[in-house]
């Protein structure tokens, strides 16, 4: 991983009853600074294909920031991303997002842009694709991308919208059981399970957990057993790199 990567990956666009990106914006503002920047917004996770509407929601959320949101569309995707100062990827369905990134041949373009220093800001599905693959998304596989391999900015996986509830009388797997299934099939890979309203920030070689509640790290111990531990707000988690 290049040592100049700057990545801000949120679990979600909202937390509780907050407005769209309300809890994320203070962190985005600090992360990007006060200088006007051109942001390439990739809306392909939207299942209804209403990219104009999705981008309008994001622009409204960014109204008090100095940055310009440029909508990435299939016909202009490469040019917009290459011209931008920042790459931003919204949430929705991770399978559809990655499908179009492969279909439009954007994977290497995005990766190269970020590896050369452009900040990467994302939430939910956009955070999923910052990982080696999308095997820890919560989304339904509504469309089949060329590959499950993703951008690989992090050497571990993210599970967004993390919550682990056991409902009485329900015999399906809990979230923890699902994540442990992934780890059994993919030994050696850790998972950062991020509750809504939390994020991880990579600033060059420093990786920090951001939030007002703990996250859960799933990892392999020295006995090759799957274990978990709580990650506390503002904790340095650079050891995961």
C-alpha atoms as a PDB file:
ATOM      1  CA  UNK A   1       0.000   0.000   0.000  1.00  0.00           C
ATOM      2  CA  UNK A   2       1.456   3.398  -0.958  1.00  0.00           C
ATOM      3  CA  UNK A   3       2.268   5.484   2.119  1.00  0.00           C
ATOM      4  CA  UNK A   4       0.525   8.639   0.876  1.00  0.00           C
ATOM      5  CA  UNK A   5      -3.018   7.272   0.837  1.00  0.00           C
ATOM      6  CA  UNK A   6      -5.683   9.417   2.490  1.00  0.00           C
ATOM      7  CA  UNK A   7      -8.968   7.587   3.003  1.00  0.00           C
ATOM      8  CA  UNK A   8     -12.070   8.374   5.036  1.00  0.00           C
ATOM      9  CA  UNK A   9     -14.471   5.420   5.040  1.00  0.00           C
ATOM     10  CA  UNK A  10     -17.789   5.717   6.868  1.00  0.00           C
ATOM     11  CA  UNK A  11     -20.090   2.912   7.900  1.00  0.00           C
ATOM     12  CA  UNK A  12     -23.170   4.821   6.789  1.00  0.00           C
ATOM     13  CA  UNK A  13     -24.539   8.073   5.438  1.00  0.00           C
ATOM     14  CA  UNK A  14     -26.746   8.549   8.502  1.00  0.00           C
ATOM     15  CA  UNK A  15     -26.814   7.660  12.158  1.00  0.00           C
ATOM     16  CA  UNK A  16     -30.157   7.213  13.857  1.00  0.00           C
ATOM     17  CA  UNK A  17     -32.494  10.054  12.918  1.00  0.00           C
ATOM     18  CA  UNK A  18     -29.757  12.374  11.645  1.00  0.00           C
ATOM     19  CA  UNK A  19     -30.068  14.065   8.273  1.00  0.00           C
ATOM     20  CA  UNK A  20     -28.105  12.839   5.260  1.00  0.00           C
ATOM     21  CA  UNK A  21     -24.343  12.911   5.961  1.00  0.00           C
ATOM     22  CA  UNK A  22     -24.962  15.077   9.043  1.00  0.00           C
ATOM     23  CA  UNK A  23     -22.656  13.062  11.305  1.00  0.00           C
ATOM     24  CA  UNK A  24     -20.063  12.590   8.559  1.00  0.00           C
ATOM     25  CA  UNK A  25     -19.709  16.203   7.417  1.00  0.00           C
ATOM     26  CA  UNK A  26     -17.627  17.514  10.360  1.00  0.00           C
ATOM     27  CA  UNK A  27     -15.083  14.766   9.711  1.00  0.00           C
ATOM     28  CA  UNK A  28     -15.150  15.343   5.948  1.00  0.00           C
ATOM     29  CA  UNK A  29     -14.660  19.077   6.460  1.00  0.00           C
ATOM     30  CA  UNK A  30     -11.629  18.521   8.671  1.00  0.00           C
ATOM     31  CA  UNK A  31     -10.267  15.810   6.367  1.00  0.00           C
ATOM     32  CA  UNK A  32     -10.495  17.873   3.165  1.00  0.00           C
ATOM     33  CA  UNK A  33      -9.720  21.290   4.611  1.00  0.00           C
ATOM     34  CA  UNK A  34     -10.970  24.728   3.569  1.00  0.00           C
ATOM     35  CA  UNK A  35      -9.487  24.894   0.072  1.00  0.00           C
ATOM     36  CA  UNK A  36     -12.004  24.528  -2.768  1.00  0.00           C
ATOM     37  CA  UNK A  37     -11.687  21.061  -4.282  1.00  0.00           C
ATOM     38  CA  UNK A  38     -13.377  19.311  -7.195  1.00  0.00           C
ATOM     39  CA  UNK A  39     -14.933  16.082  -5.971  1.00  0.00           C
ATOM     40  CA  UNK A  40     -15.784  13.269  -8.382  1.00  0.00           C
ATOM     41  CA  UNK A  41     -18.906  11.676  -6.881  1.00  0.00           C
ATOM     42  CA  UNK A  42     -19.551   8.100  -8.018  1.00  0.00           C
ATOM     43  CA  UNK A  43     -23.273   7.297  -7.590  1.00  0.00           C
ATOM     44  CA  UNK A  44     -23.374   3.846  -9.225  1.00  0.00           C
ATOM     45  CA  UNK A  45     -24.484   2.070  -6.039  1.00  0.00           C
ATOM     46  CA  UNK A  46     -27.925   3.605  -6.578  1.00  0.00           C
ATOM     47  CA  UNK A  47     -30.173   0.764  -7.706  1.00  0.00           C
ATOM     48  CA  UNK A  48     -32.815   3.014  -9.275  1.00  0.00           C
ATOM     49  CA  UNK A  49     -30.187   4.646 -11.545  1.00  0.00           C
ATOM     50  CA  UNK A  50     -31.398   8.103 -10.516  1.00  0.00           C
ATOM     51  CA  UNK A  51     -27.874   9.459 -10.432  1.00  0.00           C
ATOM     52  CA  UNK A  52     -29.025  13.069 -10.792  1.00  0.00           C
ATOM     53  CA  UNK A  53     -31.276  12.754  -7.772  1.00  0.00           C
ATOM     54  CA  UNK A  54     -28.609  11.022  -5.705  1.00  0.00           C
ATOM     55  CA  UNK A  55     -26.015  13.649  -6.561  1.00  0.00           C
ATOM     56  CA  UNK A  56     -28.474  16.424  -5.716  1.00  0.00           C
ATOM     57  CA  UNK A  57     -28.877  14.984  -2.209  1.00  0.00           C
ATOM     58  CA  UNK A  58     -25.103  14.927  -1.753  1.00  0.00           C
ATOM     59  CA  UNK A  59     -24.726  18.471  -3.107  1.00  0.00           C
ATOM     60  CA  UNK A  60     -27.378  19.663  -0.678  1.00  0.00           C
ATOM     61  CA  UNK A  61     -25.522  18.039   2.218  1.00  0.00           C
ATOM     62  CA  UNK A  62     -22.288  19.742   1.090  1.00  0.00           C
ATOM     63  CA  UNK A  63     -23.938  23.163   0.676  1.00  0.00           C
ATOM     64  CA  UNK A  64     -21.919  24.780   3.471  1.00  0.00           C
ATOM     65  CA  UNK A  65     -18.576  23.387   2.278  1.00  0.00           C
ATOM     66  CA  UNK A  66     -16.489  25.086  -0.439  1.00  0.00           C
ATOM     67  CA  UNK A  67     -16.146  22.009  -2.637  1.00  0.00           C
ATOM     68  CA  UNK A  68     -17.666  21.318  -6.043  1.00  0.00           C
ATOM     69  CA  UNK A  69     -19.454  17.980  -6.472  1.00  0.00           C
ATOM     70  CA  UNK A  70     -19.000  16.656 -10.021  1.00  0.00           C
ATOM     71  CA  UNK A  71     -21.333  13.777 -10.881  1.00  0.00           C
ATOM     72  CA  UNK A  72     -19.660  10.769 -12.463  1.00  0.00           C
ATOM     73  CA  UNK A  73     -21.843   9.315 -15.213  1.00  0.00           C
ATOM     74  CA  UNK A  74     -21.144   6.317 -17.451  1.00  0.00           C
ATOM     75  CA  UNK A  75     -20.421   8.552 -20.441  1.00  0.00           C
ATOM     76  CA  UNK A  76     -17.926  10.825 -18.658  1.00  0.00           C
ATOM     77  CA  UNK A  77     -16.637   8.663 -15.815  1.00  0.00           C
ATOM     78  CA  UNK A  78     -12.955   8.450 -16.753  1.00  0.00           C
ATOM     79  CA  UNK A  79     -12.608  12.148 -17.560  1.00  0.00           C
ATOM     80  CA  UNK A  80     -14.357  13.343 -14.390  1.00  0.00           C
ATOM     81  CA  UNK A  81     -12.324  11.068 -12.123  1.00  0.00           C
ATOM     82  CA  UNK A  82      -9.033  11.995 -13.773  1.00  0.00           C
ATOM     83  CA  UNK A  83      -9.803  15.739 -13.502  1.00  0.00           C
ATOM     84  CA  UNK A  84     -10.938  15.617  -9.868  1.00  0.00           C
ATOM     85  CA  UNK A  85      -9.025  16.426  -6.698  1.00  0.00           C
ATOM     86  CA  UNK A  86     -11.045  13.969  -4.599  1.00  0.00           C
ATOM     87  CA  UNK A  87     -12.827  10.681  -5.293  1.00  0.00           C
ATOM     88  CA  UNK A  88     -16.061  10.152  -3.347  1.00  0.00           C
ATOM     89  CA  UNK A  89     -18.184   7.001  -3.556  1.00  0.00           C
ATOM     90  CA  UNK A  90     -21.697   6.805  -2.151  1.00  0.00           C
ATOM     91  CA  UNK A  91     -23.626   3.944  -0.627  1.00  0.00           C
ATOM     92  CA  UNK A  92     -26.331   1.729  -2.025  1.00  0.00           C
ATOM     93  CA  UNK A  93     -25.873  -1.757  -3.414  1.00  0.00           C
ATOM     94  CA  UNK A  94     -22.243  -2.881  -3.386  1.00  0.00           C
ATOM     95  CA  UNK A  95     -22.699  -5.475  -6.136  1.00  0.00           C
ATOM     96  CA  UNK A  96     -24.152  -2.914  -8.514  1.00  0.00           C
ATOM     97  CA  UNK A  97     -21.449  -0.389  -7.646  1.00  0.00           C
ATOM     98  CA  UNK A  98     -18.651  -2.823  -8.390  1.00  0.00           C
ATOM     99  CA  UNK A  99     -20.426  -4.114 -11.497  1.00  0.00           C
ATOM    100  CA  UNK A 100     -20.338  -0.654 -13.082  1.00  0.00           C
ATOM    101  CA  UNK A 101     -16.818   0.066 -11.920  1.00  0.00           C
ATOM    102  CA  UNK A 102     -15.696  -3.038 -13.806  1.00  0.00           C
ATOM    103  CA  UNK A 103     -18.035  -2.443 -16.753  1.00  0.00           C
ATOM    104  CA  UNK A 104     -16.680   1.076 -17.227  1.00  0.00           C
ATOM    105  CA  UNK A 105     -13.076  -0.032 -16.584  1.00  0.00           C
ATOM    106  CA  UNK A 106     -12.681   2.347 -13.644  1.00  0.00           C
ATOM    107  CA  UNK A 107     -11.023   0.106 -11.059  1.00  0.00           C
ATOM    108  CA  UNK A 108      -7.435   0.899 -12.014  1.00  0.00           C
ATOM    109  CA  UNK A 109      -8.270   4.554 -12.691  1.00  0.00           C
ATOM    110  CA  UNK A 110      -9.684   5.036  -9.188  1.00  0.00           C
ATOM    111  CA  UNK A 111      -6.895   3.023  -7.585  1.00  0.00           C
ATOM    112  CA  UNK A 112      -4.163   4.945  -9.383  1.00  0.00           C
ATOM    113  CA  UNK A 113      -5.785   8.296  -8.580  1.00  0.00           C
ATOM    114  CA  UNK A 114      -5.930   7.551  -4.860  1.00  0.00           C
ATOM    115  CA  UNK A 115      -2.510   5.913  -4.751  1.00  0.00           C
ATOM    116  CA  UNK A 116      -1.082   9.133  -6.210  1.00  0.00           C
ATOM    117  CA  UNK A 117      -2.513  11.141  -3.326  1.00  0.00           C
ATOM    118  CA  UNK A 118      -6.127  12.052  -4.131  1.00  0.00           C
ATOM    119  CA  UNK A 119      -8.295  11.700  -0.986  1.00  0.00           C
ATOM    120  CA  UNK A 120     -10.924   8.954  -1.077  1.00  0.00           C
ATOM    121  CA  UNK A 121     -14.158   9.571   0.842  1.00  0.00           C
ATOM    122  CA  UNK A 122     -16.868   6.933   0.969  1.00  0.00           C
ATOM    123  CA  UNK A 123     -19.731   5.474   2.942  1.00  0.00           C
ATOM    124  CA  UNK A 124     -21.395   2.073   3.098  1.00  0.00           C
ATOM    125  CA  UNK A 125     -20.950   0.413  -0.324  1.00  0.00           C
ATOM    126  CA  UNK A 126     -18.228   2.916  -1.163  1.00  0.00           C
ATOM    127  CA  UNK A 127     -16.372   1.814   1.965  1.00  0.00           C
ATOM    128  CA  UNK A 128     -16.868  -1.841   1.093  1.00  0.00           C
ATOM    129  CA  UNK A 129     -14.988  -1.463  -2.178  1.00  0.00           C
ATOM    130  CA  UNK A 130     -11.974   0.087  -0.409  1.00  0.00           C
ATOM    131  CA  UNK A 131     -11.237  -3.435   0.845  1.00  0.00           C
ATOM    132  CA  UNK A 132      -9.630  -6.407  -0.939  1.00  0.00           C
ATOM    133  CA  UNK A 133     -13.081  -7.686  -1.899  1.00  0.00           C
ATOM    134  CA  UNK A 134     -16.789  -7.210  -1.231  1.00  0.00           C
ATOM    135  CA  UNK A 135     -17.397 -10.461   0.637  1.00  0.00           C
ATOM    136  CA  UNK A 136     -18.401  -8.652   3.838  1.00  0.00           C
ATOM    137  CA  UNK A 137     -21.102  -6.435   2.359  1.00  0.00           C
ATOM    138  CA  UNK A 138     -24.614  -6.823   3.759  1.00  0.00           C
ATOM    139  CA  UNK A 139     -26.204  -6.319   0.332  1.00  0.00           C
ATOM    140  CA  UNK A 140     -28.148  -8.725  -1.853  1.00  0.00           C
ATOM    141  CA  UNK A 141     -26.266  -9.858  -4.982  1.00  0.00           C
ATOM    142  CA  UNK A 142     -28.755  -8.223  -7.362  1.00  0.00           C
ATOM    143  CA  UNK A 143     -26.238  -8.185 -10.219  1.00  0.00           C
ATOM    144  CA  UNK A 144     -22.995 -10.076 -10.825  1.00  0.00           C
ATOM    145  CA  UNK A 145     -19.851  -7.979 -11.170  1.00  0.00           C
ATOM    146  CA  UNK A 146     -16.926  -9.244 -13.210  1.00  0.00           C
ATOM    147  CA  UNK A 147     -15.126 -10.064  -9.971  1.00  0.00           C
ATOM    148  CA  UNK A 148     -15.594  -9.644  -6.230  1.00  0.00           C
ATOM    149  CA  UNK A 149     -12.072  -8.183  -6.061  1.00  0.00           C
ATOM    150  CA  UNK A 150     -12.201  -4.486  -5.179  1.00  0.00           C
ATOM    151  CA  UNK A 151      -9.807  -1.547  -4.763  1.00  0.00           C
ATOM    152  CA  UNK A 152      -7.716  -3.064  -1.991  1.00  0.00           C
ATOM    153  CA  UNK A 153      -6.734   0.172  -0.246  1.00  0.00           C
ATOM    154  CA  UNK A 154      -7.013  -1.687   3.054  1.00  0.00           C
ATOM    155  CA  UNK A 155      -5.590  -5.189   3.661  1.00  0.00           C
ATOM    156  CA  UNK A 156      -8.616  -6.025   5.830  1.00  0.00           C
ATOM    157  CA  UNK A 157     -12.371  -6.052   5.279  1.00  0.00           C
ATOM    158  CA  UNK A 158     -15.035  -3.611   6.456  1.00  0.00           C
ATOM    159  CA  UNK A 159     -18.523  -4.596   7.515  1.00  0.00           C
ATOM    160  CA  UNK A 160     -20.675  -1.441   7.491  1.00  0.00           C
ATOM    161  CA  UNK A 161     -23.960  -0.889   9.354  1.00  0.00           C
ATOM    162  CA  UNK A 162     -22.686  -3.354  11.947  1.00  0.00           C
ATOM    163  CA  UNK A 163     -25.119  -4.622  14.531  1.00  0.00           C
ATOM    164  CA  UNK A 164     -25.341  -8.066  16.079  1.00  0.00           C
ATOM    165  CA  UNK A 165     -28.831  -8.927  17.255  1.00  0.00           C
ATOM    166  CA  UNK A 166     -30.267 -12.313  18.110  1.00  0.00           C
ATOM    167  CA  UNK A 167     -34.037 -12.176  17.708  1.00  0.00           C
ATOM    168  CA  UNK A 168     -35.938 -14.663  19.804  1.00  0.00           C
ATOM    169  CA  UNK A 169     -37.499 -17.357  17.644  1.00  0.00           C
ATOM    170  CA  UNK A 170     -35.435 -16.435  14.566  1.00  0.00           C
ATOM    171  CA  UNK A 171     -33.159 -19.237  13.408  1.00  0.00           C
ATOM    172  CA  UNK A 172     -31.124 -17.371  10.793  1.00  0.00           C
ATOM    173  CA  UNK A 173     -27.506 -16.435  11.385  1.00  0.00           C
ATOM    174  CA  UNK A 174     -26.521 -13.361  13.365  1.00  0.00           C
ATOM    175  CA  UNK A 175     -24.175 -10.799  11.802  1.00  0.00           C
ATOM    176  CA  UNK A 176     -21.289 -12.187  13.845  1.00  0.00           C
ATOM    177  CA  UNK A 177     -21.958 -15.681  12.538  1.00  0.00           C
ATOM    178  CA  UNK A 178     -22.002 -14.401   8.960  1.00  0.00           C
ATOM    179  CA  UNK A 179     -18.710 -12.604   9.422  1.00  0.00           C
ATOM    180  CA  UNK A 180     -17.142 -15.665  10.998  1.00  0.00           C
ATOM    181  CA  UNK A 181     -18.304 -17.708   7.991  1.00  0.00           C
ATOM    182  CA  UNK A 182     -16.417 -15.304   5.742  1.00  0.00           C
ATOM    183  CA  UNK A 183     -13.301 -15.689   7.858  1.00  0.00           C
ATOM    184  CA  UNK A 184     -13.493 -19.474   7.791  1.00  0.00           C
ATOM    185  CA  UNK A 185     -13.470 -19.381   3.994  1.00  0.00           C
ATOM    186  CA  UNK A 186     -10.864 -16.577   3.892  1.00  0.00           C
ATOM    187  CA  UNK A 187      -8.357 -17.420   6.643  1.00  0.00           C
ATOM    188  CA  UNK A 188      -6.019 -14.685   7.762  1.00  0.00           C
ATOM    189  CA  UNK A 189      -8.215 -11.728   6.793  1.00  0.00           C
ATOM    190  CA  UNK A 190      -9.457  -9.445   9.570  1.00  0.00           C
ATOM    191  CA  UNK A 191     -12.757  -7.524   9.581  1.00  0.00           C
ATOM    192  CA  UNK A 192     -13.475  -4.090  11.021  1.00  0.00           C
ATOM    193  CA  UNK A 193     -17.179  -4.134  11.865  1.00  0.00           C
ATOM    194  CA  UNK A 194     -18.327  -0.500  11.941  1.00  0.00           C
ATOM    195  CA  UNK A 195     -21.578   0.537  13.654  1.00  0.00           C
ATOM    196  CA  UNK A 196     -23.553   3.300  11.982  1.00  0.00           C
ATOM    197  CA  UNK A 197     -22.133   6.748  12.585  1.00  0.00           C
ATOM    198  CA  UNK A 198     -18.532   5.515  12.779  1.00  0.00           C
ATOM    199  CA  UNK A 199     -15.632   5.538  10.335  1.00  0.00           C
ATOM    200  CA  UNK A 200     -11.980   4.763   9.815  1.00  0.00           C
ATOM    201  CA  UNK A 201      -9.473   7.359   8.646  1.00  0.00           C
ATOM    202  CA  UNK A 202      -6.194   6.584   6.934  1.00  0.00           C
ATOM    203  CA  UNK A 203      -3.854   9.562   6.788  1.00  0.00           C
ATOM    204  CA  UNK A 204      -0.619   8.408   5.185  1.00  0.00           C
ATOM    205  CA  UNK A 205       0.510   5.620   7.541  1.00  0.00           C
ATOM    206  CA  UNK A 206      -1.811   6.369  10.485  1.00  0.00           C
ATOM    207  CA  UNK A 207      -5.126   4.518  10.671  1.00  0.00           C
ATOM    208  CA  UNK A 208      -7.651   5.754  13.256  1.00  0.00           C
ATOM    209  CA  UNK A 209     -11.115   4.632  14.276  1.00  0.00           C
ATOM    210  CA  UNK A 210     -13.637   7.478  14.532  1.00  0.00           C
ATOM    211  CA  UNK A 211     -16.948   7.326  16.354  1.00  0.00           C
ATOM    212  CA  UNK A 212     -18.910   7.784  19.536  1.00  0.00           C
ATOM    213  CA  UNK A 213     -19.231   4.058  20.219  1.00  0.00           C
ATOM    214  CA  UNK A 214     -16.885   1.075  19.903  1.00  0.00           C
ATOM    215  CA  UNK A 215     -16.334  -0.923  16.751  1.00  0.00           C
ATOM    216  CA  UNK A 216     -15.653  -4.664  16.728  1.00  0.00           C
ATOM    217  CA  UNK A 217     -12.525  -6.180  15.237  1.00  0.00           C
ATOM    218  CA  UNK A 218     -12.696  -9.779  14.078  1.00  0.00           C
ATOM    219  CA  UNK A 219      -9.236 -11.302  13.737  1.00  0.00           C
ATOM    220  CA  UNK A 220      -7.212 -14.497  13.942  1.00  0.00           C
ATOM    221  CA  UNK A 221      -5.156 -15.097  17.091  1.00  0.00           C
ATOM    222  CA  UNK A 222      -1.856 -16.950  17.391  1.00  0.00           C
ATOM    223  CA  UNK A 223      -3.762 -20.235  17.763  1.00  0.00           C
ATOM    224  CA  UNK A 224      -5.535 -19.697  14.424  1.00  0.00           C
ATOM    225  CA  UNK A 225      -8.816 -19.079  16.211  1.00  0.00           C
ATOM    226  CA  UNK A 226     -11.315 -16.352  15.325  1.00  0.00           C
ATOM    227  CA  UNK A 227     -11.555 -13.829  18.144  1.00  0.00           C
ATOM    228  CA  UNK A 228     -13.027 -10.354  18.588  1.00  0.00           C
ATOM    229  CA  UNK A 229     -12.166  -7.253  20.535  1.00  0.00           C
ATOM    230  CA  UNK A 230     -13.632  -3.812  20.918  1.00  0.00           C
ATOM    231  CA  UNK A 231     -11.973  -0.877  19.169  1.00  0.00           C
ATOM    232  CA  UNK A 232     -12.493   2.338  21.073  1.00  0.00           C
ATOM    233  CA  UNK A 233     -13.163   5.826  19.642  1.00  0.00           C
ATOM    234  CA  UNK A 234      -9.982   7.593  18.458  1.00  0.00           C
ATOM    235  CA  UNK A 235      -7.973   4.395  18.816  1.00  0.00           C
ATOM    236  CA  UNK A 236      -4.926   4.044  16.589  1.00  0.00           C
ATOM    237  CA  UNK A 237      -5.415   0.849  14.584  1.00  0.00           C
ATOM    238  CA  UNK A 238      -2.410   1.194  12.297  1.00  0.00           C
ATOM    239  CA  UNK A 239      -1.412  -2.337  13.273  1.00  0.00           C
ATOM    240  CA  UNK A 240      -4.058  -3.530  10.795  1.00  0.00           C
ATOM    241  CA  UNK A 241      -2.020  -2.131   7.909  1.00  0.00           C
END
